[in-house]
Structure formats: structure tokens, C-alpha cells
Amino acid sequence: MSADGRILTAALGDAFGLSLGTGDRKVNAGDNGLVRSLAYGDGVDPINPADPIHVRCDVVTDGKIDASDGDLVLSLAQEGLDGTGIACP
């Protein structure tokens, strides 16, 4: 729950939709591409906690975006992780 009382439903690794302002609650090729580009570019170490894309891309929650995040998002995308069926409370 956010400070203003809103509840956020998000799928682990759903970062690309957020960057477009849509937040589609699915983990797919777009998310995989974004996380892997950050992870395998220069990496992000440490993440900026004020940047929601950094926070969403740090799927292993170790404070950085690196190969472990890229590998996990690839795995989740291949599984077709989909949070659209989660009812908003």
C-alpha cells in the first residue's frame, strides 16, 4: 500500500510497462529487453530507490541491476508470468 492509501498490484519483473506508463502486469519480451539492457549494459549499481524503473528491474532485490536480474526476468518471461488475473482489492 502506498502512502496515499492506493494499493499497487504488480508482477515481479514487470518493468517495461511502467516505463511506458501502462503497467500491463505481464512479464514478457519487453520487460526482458529492458532489464537485460540495463543489466548487460553498464549495469546499475546501486539502484536509485526513487526511480521506479530501477526498483522494478531489481527483481532479486540486492540493490543493483545485473546479470542475476536479467536471467530471472528471462525465466519469468519464458514462463509467461501474468498478473492481470489478480483482482484489485
C-alpha atoms as a PDB file:
ATOM      1  CA  MET A   1       0.000   0.000   0.000  1.00  0.00           C
ATOM      2  CA  SER A   2       1.302   3.421  -0.868  1.00  0.00           C
ATOM      3  CA  ALA A   3       1.401   6.427   1.443  1.00  0.00           C
ATOM      4  CA  ASP A   4      -1.770   7.819  -0.110  1.00  0.00           C
ATOM      5  CA  GLY A   5      -3.731   4.610   0.540  1.00  0.00           C
ATOM      6  CA  ARG A   6      -3.642   3.209  -3.002  1.00  0.00           C
ATOM      7  CA  ILE A   7      -2.855  -0.476  -3.468  1.00  0.00           C
ATOM      8  CA  LEU A   8      -0.438  -1.475  -6.208  1.00  0.00           C
ATOM      9  CA  THR A   9      -0.673  -4.831  -7.955  1.00  0.00           C
ATOM     10  CA  ALA A  10       2.482  -5.690  -9.866  1.00  0.00           C
ATOM     11  CA  ALA A  11       4.037  -8.795 -11.355  1.00  0.00           C
ATOM     12  CA  LEU A  12       7.663  -9.410 -10.396  1.00  0.00           C
ATOM     13  CA  GLY A  13       9.758  -8.246 -13.356  1.00  0.00           C
ATOM     14  CA  ASP A  14       7.040  -6.106 -14.991  1.00  0.00           C
ATOM     15  CA  ALA A  15       9.267  -3.120 -15.668  1.00  0.00           C
ATOM     16  CA  PHE A  16       8.727  -2.219 -19.329  1.00  0.00           C
ATOM     17  CA  GLY A  17       5.033  -1.380 -18.998  1.00  0.00           C
ATOM     18  CA  LEU A  18       5.912   1.017 -16.201  1.00  0.00           C
ATOM     19  CA  SER A  19       8.435   2.807 -18.436  1.00  0.00           C
ATOM     20  CA  LEU A  20       5.639   3.361 -20.979  1.00  0.00           C
ATOM     21  CA  GLY A  21       3.189   4.417 -18.296  1.00  0.00           C
ATOM     22  CA  THR A  22       0.960   1.380 -18.838  1.00  0.00           C
ATOM     23  CA  GLY A  23       1.973  -1.240 -16.228  1.00  0.00           C
ATOM     24  CA  ASP A  24       0.453  -4.206 -18.055  1.00  0.00           C
ATOM     25  CA  ARG A  25       1.100  -6.658 -15.156  1.00  0.00           C
ATOM     26  CA  LYS A  26       2.656  -9.171 -17.559  1.00  0.00           C
ATOM     27  CA  VAL A  27       6.291 -10.230 -17.818  1.00  0.00           C
ATOM     28  CA  ASN A  28       7.191 -10.623 -21.470  1.00  0.00           C
ATOM     29  CA  ALA A  29       9.776  -9.750 -24.113  1.00  0.00           C
ATOM     30  CA  GLY A  30       9.562  -6.007 -23.449  1.00  0.00           C
ATOM     31  CA  ASP A  31      10.386  -6.446 -19.767  1.00  0.00           C
ATOM     32  CA  ASN A  32      13.143  -8.902 -20.605  1.00  0.00           C
ATOM     33  CA  GLY A  33      14.677  -6.442 -23.056  1.00  0.00           C
ATOM     34  CA  LEU A  34      14.607  -3.518 -20.627  1.00  0.00           C
ATOM     35  CA  VAL A  35      16.071  -5.416 -17.675  1.00  0.00           C
ATOM     36  CA  ARG A  36      18.729  -7.128 -19.764  1.00  0.00           C
ATOM     37  CA  SER A  37      19.734  -3.850 -21.437  1.00  0.00           C
ATOM     38  CA  LEU A  38      20.281  -2.274 -18.017  1.00  0.00           C
ATOM     39  CA  ALA A  39      21.953  -5.394 -16.620  1.00  0.00           C
ATOM     40  CA  TYR A  40      24.287  -6.118 -19.502  1.00  0.00           C
ATOM     41  CA  GLY A  41      24.983  -2.526 -20.497  1.00  0.00           C
ATOM     42  CA  ASP A  42      26.962  -0.835 -17.757  1.00  0.00           C
ATOM     43  CA  GLY A  43      24.778  -2.346 -15.042  1.00  0.00           C
ATOM     44  CA  VAL A  44      23.197  -0.193 -12.351  1.00  0.00           C
ATOM     45  CA  ASP A  45      24.987  -0.352  -9.017  1.00  0.00           C
ATOM     46  CA  PRO A  46      23.484   0.907  -6.788  1.00  0.00           C
ATOM     47  CA  ILE A  47      19.929   1.440  -7.977  1.00  0.00           C
ATOM     48  CA  ASN A  48      18.228   4.757  -7.343  1.00  0.00           C
ATOM     49  CA  PRO A  49      15.334   3.893  -4.974  1.00  0.00           C
ATOM     50  CA  ALA A  50      13.460   6.975  -6.190  1.00  0.00           C
ATOM     51  CA  ASP A  51      13.450   5.604  -9.756  1.00  0.00           C
ATOM     52  CA  PRO A  52      10.511   3.190 -10.105  1.00  0.00           C
ATOM     53  CA  ILE A  53      12.081   1.543 -13.158  1.00  0.00           C
ATOM     54  CA  HIS A  54      15.246   0.773 -11.189  1.00  0.00           C
ATOM     55  CA  VAL A  55      13.162  -0.658  -8.347  1.00  0.00           C
ATOM     56  CA  ARG A  56      11.085  -2.815 -10.711  1.00  0.00           C
ATOM     57  CA  CYS A  57      14.168  -4.035 -12.604  1.00  0.00           C
ATOM     58  CA  ASP A  58      15.954  -5.090  -9.394  1.00  0.00           C
ATOM     59  CA  VAL A  59      13.944  -8.323  -9.228  1.00  0.00           C
ATOM     60  CA  VAL A  60      16.400 -10.127  -6.924  1.00  0.00           C
ATOM     61  CA  THR A  61      16.276  -7.105  -4.558  1.00  0.00           C
ATOM     62  CA  ASP A  62      20.007  -6.816  -3.975  1.00  0.00           C
ATOM     63  CA  GLY A  63      20.216  -3.081  -4.685  1.00  0.00           C
ATOM     64  CA  LYS A  64      21.673  -3.386  -8.181  1.00  0.00           C
ATOM     65  CA  ILE A  65      20.639  -4.426 -11.682  1.00  0.00           C
ATOM     66  CA  ASP A  66      22.949  -7.085 -13.062  1.00  0.00           C
ATOM     67  CA  ALA A  67      23.040 -10.497 -14.755  1.00  0.00           C
ATOM     68  CA  SER A  68      21.085 -12.188 -11.958  1.00  0.00           C
ATOM     69  CA  ASP A  69      18.151  -9.834 -12.606  1.00  0.00           C
ATOM     70  CA  GLY A  70      18.415 -10.341 -16.357  1.00  0.00           C
ATOM     71  CA  ASP A  71      18.453 -14.115 -16.000  1.00  0.00           C
ATOM     72  CA  LEU A  72      15.467 -14.166 -13.638  1.00  0.00           C
ATOM     73  CA  VAL A  73      13.334 -11.908 -15.856  1.00  0.00           C
ATOM     74  CA  LEU A  74      14.199 -14.050 -18.887  1.00  0.00           C
ATOM     75  CA  SER A  75      12.988 -17.102 -16.965  1.00  0.00           C
ATOM     76  CA  LEU A  76       9.781 -15.350 -15.834  1.00  0.00           C
ATOM     77  CA  ALA A  77       9.090 -14.110 -19.377  1.00  0.00           C
ATOM     78  CA  GLN A  78       9.536 -17.617 -20.764  1.00  0.00           C
ATOM     79  CA  GLU A  79       7.019 -18.881 -18.178  1.00  0.00           C
ATOM     80  CA  GLY A  80       4.589 -16.155 -19.237  1.00  0.00           C
ATOM     81  CA  LEU A  81       4.116 -14.640 -15.764  1.00  0.00           C
ATOM     82  CA  ASP A  82       0.821 -12.777 -15.894  1.00  0.00           C
ATOM     83  CA  GLY A  83      -0.694 -10.784 -13.037  1.00  0.00           C
ATOM     84  CA  THR A  84      -3.711  -9.461 -14.962  1.00  0.00           C
ATOM     85  CA  GLY A  85      -5.974 -12.017 -13.299  1.00  0.00           C
ATOM     86  CA  ILE A  86      -5.157 -10.733  -9.812  1.00  0.00           C
ATOM     87  CA  ALA A  87      -8.187  -8.904  -8.502  1.00  0.00           C
ATOM     88  CA  CYS A  88      -7.500  -5.434  -7.168  1.00  0.00           C
ATOM     89  CA  PRO A  89      -8.673  -5.264  -3.547  1.00  0.00           C
END
